[in-house]
C-alpha atoms as a PDB file:
ATOM      1  CA  MET A   1     124.430 104.960  95.861  1.00  0.00           C
ATOM      2  CA  MET A   2     121.252 102.906  95.893  1.00  0.00           C
ATOM      3  CA  LYS A   3     122.041  99.210  96.239  1.00  0.00           C
ATOM      4  CA  ARG A   4     118.490  97.916  95.837  1.00  0.00           C
ATOM      5  CA  GLY A   5     114.942  99.025  95.122  1.00  0.00           C
ATOM      6  CA  PHE A   6     113.811 102.196  93.384  1.00  0.00           C
ATOM      7  CA  GLY A   7     116.789 103.953  91.794  1.00  0.00           C
ATOM      8  CA  VAL A   8     119.268 101.085  92.164  1.00  0.00           C
ATOM      9  CA  GLY A   9     122.670 102.011  90.705  1.00  0.00           C
ATOM     10  CA  LYS A  10     122.061 105.763  91.023  1.00  0.00           C
ATOM     11  CA  TYR A  11     123.315 108.262  93.561  1.00  0.00           C
ATOM     12  CA  ASN A  12     120.292 109.491  95.440  1.00  0.00           C
ATOM     13  CA  SER A  13     119.380 110.976  98.776  1.00  0.00           C
ATOM     14  CA  PHE A  14     117.663 109.320 101.701  1.00  0.00           C
ATOM     15  CA  GLY A  15     113.945 108.752 101.543  1.00  0.00           C
ATOM     16  CA  GLY A  16     111.062 106.356 101.423  1.00  0.00           C
ATOM     17  CA  LYS A  17     107.411 105.862 102.126  1.00  0.00           C
ATOM     18  CA  LEU A  18     105.273 107.047 105.011  1.00  0.00           C
ATOM     19  CA  GLN A  19     104.321 104.554 107.692  1.00  0.00           C
ATOM     20  CA  PRO A  20     100.744 104.656 109.091  1.00  0.00           C
ATOM     21  CA  GLY A  21     100.214 107.692 111.329  1.00  0.00           C
ATOM     22  CA  GLU A  22     103.556 109.227 110.395  1.00  0.00           C
ATOM     23  CA  THR A  23     104.018 112.806 109.155  1.00  0.00           C
ATOM     24  CA  VAL A  24     106.261 113.595 106.182  1.00  0.00           C
ATOM     25  CA  GLU A  25     108.771 115.169 108.574  1.00  0.00           C
ATOM     26  CA  GLU A  26     108.790 112.139 110.879  1.00  0.00           C
ATOM     27  CA  ALA A  27     109.295 109.857 107.880  1.00  0.00           C
ATOM     28  CA  THR A  28     112.147 112.074 106.681  1.00  0.00           C
ATOM     29  CA  LEU A  29     113.986 111.714 109.982  1.00  0.00           C
ATOM     30  CA  ARG A  30     113.265 107.971 110.234  1.00  0.00           C
ATOM     31  CA  GLU A  31     114.474 107.275 106.686  1.00  0.00           C
ATOM     32  CA  PHE A  32     117.537 109.477 107.217  1.00  0.00           C
ATOM     33  CA  GLN A  33     118.477 107.422 110.286  1.00  0.00           C
ATOM     34  CA  GLU A  34     117.682 104.033 108.711  1.00  0.00           C
ATOM     35  CA  GLU A  35     119.584 104.727 105.501  1.00  0.00           C
ATOM     36  CA  SER A  36     122.587 106.629 106.882  1.00  0.00           C
ATOM     37  CA  GLY A  37     123.062 105.790 110.555  1.00  0.00           C
ATOM     38  CA  LEU A  38     122.829 109.528 111.269  1.00  0.00           C
ATOM     39  CA  SER A  39     120.136 111.205 113.352  1.00  0.00           C
ATOM     40  CA  SER A  40     118.573 114.627 113.626  1.00  0.00           C
ATOM     41  CA  GLU A  41     115.539 116.398 115.101  1.00  0.00           C
ATOM     42  CA  LEU A  42     112.473 118.098 113.618  1.00  0.00           C
ATOM     43  CA  GLU A  43     113.785 121.590 114.396  1.00  0.00           C
ATOM     44  CA  HIS A  44     116.757 120.966 112.071  1.00  0.00           C
ATOM     45  CA  LEU A  45     114.582 120.177 109.018  1.00  0.00           C
ATOM     46  CA  THR A  46     113.802 122.767 106.360  1.00  0.00           C
ATOM     47  CA  LYS A  47     111.507 121.928 103.471  1.00  0.00           C
ATOM     48  CA  VAL A  48     113.117 123.158 100.251  1.00  0.00           C
ATOM     49  CA  ALA A  49     111.186 121.467  97.459  1.00  0.00           C
ATOM     50  CA  GLU A  50     108.118 119.517  96.470  1.00  0.00           C
ATOM     51  CA  ILE A  51     108.471 117.664  93.184  1.00  0.00           C
ATOM     52  CA  ASP A  52     105.777 115.751  91.302  1.00  0.00           C
ATOM     53  CA  PHE A  53     107.259 112.902  89.270  1.00  0.00           C
ATOM     54  CA  TYR A  54     105.378 111.207  86.451  1.00  0.00           C
ATOM     55  CA  PHE A  55     106.383 108.030  84.611  1.00  0.00           C
ATOM     56  CA  PRO A  56     103.910 107.631  81.693  1.00  0.00           C
ATOM     57  CA  TYR A  57     105.202 104.137  80.914  1.00  0.00           C
ATOM     58  CA  LYS A  58     105.065 103.010  84.540  1.00  0.00           C
ATOM     59  CA  PRO A  59     102.388 105.088  86.338  1.00  0.00           C
ATOM     60  CA  GLU A  60     102.732 103.080  89.557  1.00  0.00           C
ATOM     61  CA  TRP A  61     106.017 104.970  90.015  1.00  0.00           C
ATOM     62  CA  ASP A  62     104.257 108.384  89.933  1.00  0.00           C
ATOM     63  CA  GLN A  63     104.910 110.206  93.178  1.00  0.00           C
ATOM     64  CA  THR A  64     105.283 113.486  94.994  1.00  0.00           C
ATOM     65  CA  VAL A  65     108.647 113.910  96.693  1.00  0.00           C
ATOM     66  CA  HIS A  66     109.160 116.294  99.612  1.00  0.00           C
ATOM     67  CA  VAL A  67     112.768 117.496  99.812  1.00  0.00           C
ATOM     68  CA  TYR A  68     114.312 118.671 103.068  1.00  0.00           C
ATOM     69  CA  THR A  69     117.702 119.915 104.113  1.00  0.00           C
ATOM     70  CA  ILE A  70     119.029 119.083 107.561  1.00  0.00           C
ATOM     71  CA  SER A  71     121.055 121.789 109.289  1.00  0.00           C
ATOM     72  CA  PHE A  72     122.430 119.628 112.117  1.00  0.00           C
ATOM     73  CA  PHE A  73     122.866 115.893 112.562  1.00  0.00           C
ATOM     74  CA  SER A  74     124.825 113.549 114.800  1.00  0.00           C
ATOM     75  CA  GLY A  75     126.473 110.169 114.453  1.00  0.00           C
ATOM     76  CA  GLU A  76     128.768 108.578 111.911  1.00  0.00           C
ATOM     77  CA  PRO A  77     127.507 107.677 108.432  1.00  0.00           C
ATOM     78  CA  GLN A  78     127.204 103.958 107.782  1.00  0.00           C
ATOM     79  CA  GLU A  79     126.634 101.810 104.743  1.00  0.00           C
ATOM     80  CA  THR A  80     123.255 100.102 104.994  1.00  0.00           C
ATOM     81  CA  GLU A  81     121.490  97.323 103.113  1.00  0.00           C
ATOM     82  CA  GLU A  82     119.901  99.945 100.860  1.00  0.00           C
ATOM     83  CA  MET A  83     122.686 102.478 100.323  1.00  0.00           C
ATOM     84  CA  THR A  84     126.372 103.148 100.319  1.00  0.00           C
ATOM     85  CA  TYR A  85     127.356 106.712 101.086  1.00  0.00           C
ATOM     86  CA  GLN A  86     129.880 109.126  99.711  1.00  0.00           C
ATOM     87  CA  TRP A  87     130.331 112.846 100.305  1.00  0.00           C
ATOM     88  CA  PHE A  88     130.787 115.088  97.270  1.00  0.00           C
ATOM     89  CA  HIS A  89     131.921 118.683  97.052  1.00  0.00           C
ATOM     90  CA  ARG A  90     129.105 120.728  95.524  1.00  0.00           C
ATOM     91  CA  ASN A  91     131.304 121.403  92.469  1.00  0.00           C
ATOM     92  CA  ASN A  92     131.806 117.662  91.857  1.00  0.00           C
ATOM     93  CA  ILE A  93     128.329 116.190  92.207  1.00  0.00           C
ATOM     94  CA  PRO A  94     128.073 113.189  89.805  1.00  0.00           C
ATOM     95  CA  TYR A  95     124.862 114.242  88.032  1.00  0.00           C
ATOM     96  CA  HIS A  96     125.616 111.719  85.260  1.00  0.00           C
ATOM     97  CA  GLN A  97     125.113 108.928  87.839  1.00  0.00           C
ATOM     98  CA  MET A  98     121.867 110.347  89.247  1.00  0.00           C
ATOM     99  CA  TRP A  99     118.265 110.683  88.087  1.00  0.00           C
ATOM    100  CA  ASP A 100     118.223 112.911  85.001  1.00  0.00           C
ATOM    101  CA  ASP A 101     116.128 115.640  86.681  1.00  0.00           C
ATOM    102  CA  ASP A 102     118.552 116.197  89.566  1.00  0.00           C
ATOM    103  CA  LYS A 103     120.838 118.407  87.471  1.00  0.00           C
ATOM    104  CA  TYR A 104     117.985 120.917  87.100  1.00  0.00           C
ATOM    105  CA  TRP A 105     116.641 121.332  90.625  1.00  0.00           C
ATOM    106  CA  LEU A 106     119.440 120.241  92.983  1.00  0.00           C
ATOM    107  CA  PRO A 107     121.760 123.168  92.113  1.00  0.00           C
ATOM    108  CA  LEU A 108     118.907 125.555  92.975  1.00  0.00           C
ATOM    109  CA  VAL A 109     118.415 123.900  96.360  1.00  0.00           C
ATOM    110  CA  LEU A 110     122.166 124.035  97.007  1.00  0.00           C
ATOM    111  CA  GLU A 111     121.992 127.796  96.262  1.00  0.00           C
ATOM    112  CA  GLY A 112     119.432 128.123  99.058  1.00  0.00           C
ATOM    113  CA  LYS A 113     116.332 128.377  96.863  1.00  0.00           C
ATOM    114  CA  SER A 114     113.000 126.631  97.493  1.00  0.00           C
ATOM    115  CA  LEU A 115     110.882 125.329  94.641  1.00  0.00           C
ATOM    116  CA  ASN A 116     107.993 123.291  93.354  1.00  0.00           C
ATOM    117  CA  ALA A 117     108.584 121.279  90.186  1.00  0.00           C
ATOM    118  CA  THR A 118     106.966 118.804  87.834  1.00  0.00           C
ATOM    119  CA  VAL A 119     109.082 116.169  86.129  1.00  0.00           C
ATOM    120  CA  ILE A 120     107.842 113.821  83.407  1.00  0.00           C
ATOM    121  CA  PHE A 121     110.151 111.001  82.353  1.00  0.00           C
ATOM    122  CA  LYS A 122     110.160 109.639  78.813  1.00  0.00           C
ATOM    123  CA  ASP A 123     111.162 106.126  79.865  1.00  0.00           C
ATOM    124  CA  VAL A 124     110.761 103.961  82.938  1.00  0.00           C
ATOM    125  CA  ASN A 125     114.439 104.141  83.870  1.00  0.00           C
ATOM    126  CA  GLY A 126     114.357 107.891  84.469  1.00  0.00           C
ATOM    127  CA  GLU A 127     117.106 108.405  81.946  1.00  0.00           C
ATOM    128  CA  ASN A 128     115.291 110.824  79.666  1.00  0.00           C
ATOM    129  CA  LEU A 129     113.089 113.741  80.604  1.00  0.00           C
ATOM    130  CA  VAL A 130     110.107 114.737  78.548  1.00  0.00           C
ATOM    131  CA  GLU A 131     109.434 117.865  80.519  1.00  0.00           C
ATOM    132  CA  TYR A 132     110.761 119.737  83.509  1.00  0.00           C
ATOM    133  CA  LYS A 133     108.864 122.690  84.960  1.00  0.00           C
ATOM    134  CA  GLU A 134     110.204 124.729  87.824  1.00  0.00           C
ATOM    135  CA  ILE A 135     108.257 127.112  90.010  1.00  0.00           C
ATOM    136  CA  ARG A 136     110.273 128.859  92.688  1.00  0.00           C
ATOM    137  CA  LEU A 137     108.727 129.583  96.042  1.00  0.00           C
ATOM    138  CA  LEU A 138     109.620 132.503  98.296  1.00  0.00           C
END
């Protein structure tokens, strides 16, 4: 659950912005560690999605999100300044407390599929989608 910043009040995954000279994969591992207290290595990352998000009423929020799964990690999860954590069984994911698009693409990722998608939100809160397009890879 995001406690501050982008997506506050919604269940979300770990993530953030690139630091200078950092690859997307390095940023993924850094953000994972900073926001969860857990750590992993590059060889345990698998890219499963790339999603372009558009917010017509707040274009400064437009972004491309790279989604990775992590096959092995170590440590104990911790609450951080940005997030609290909670594990959910895949049959009980609280999509109603997440970004509206998650209910479309996350189940596909959990089934082991990889995809590219475009999401356009109708309002700045990400509560209503205008359009969702999915293109599966591999």
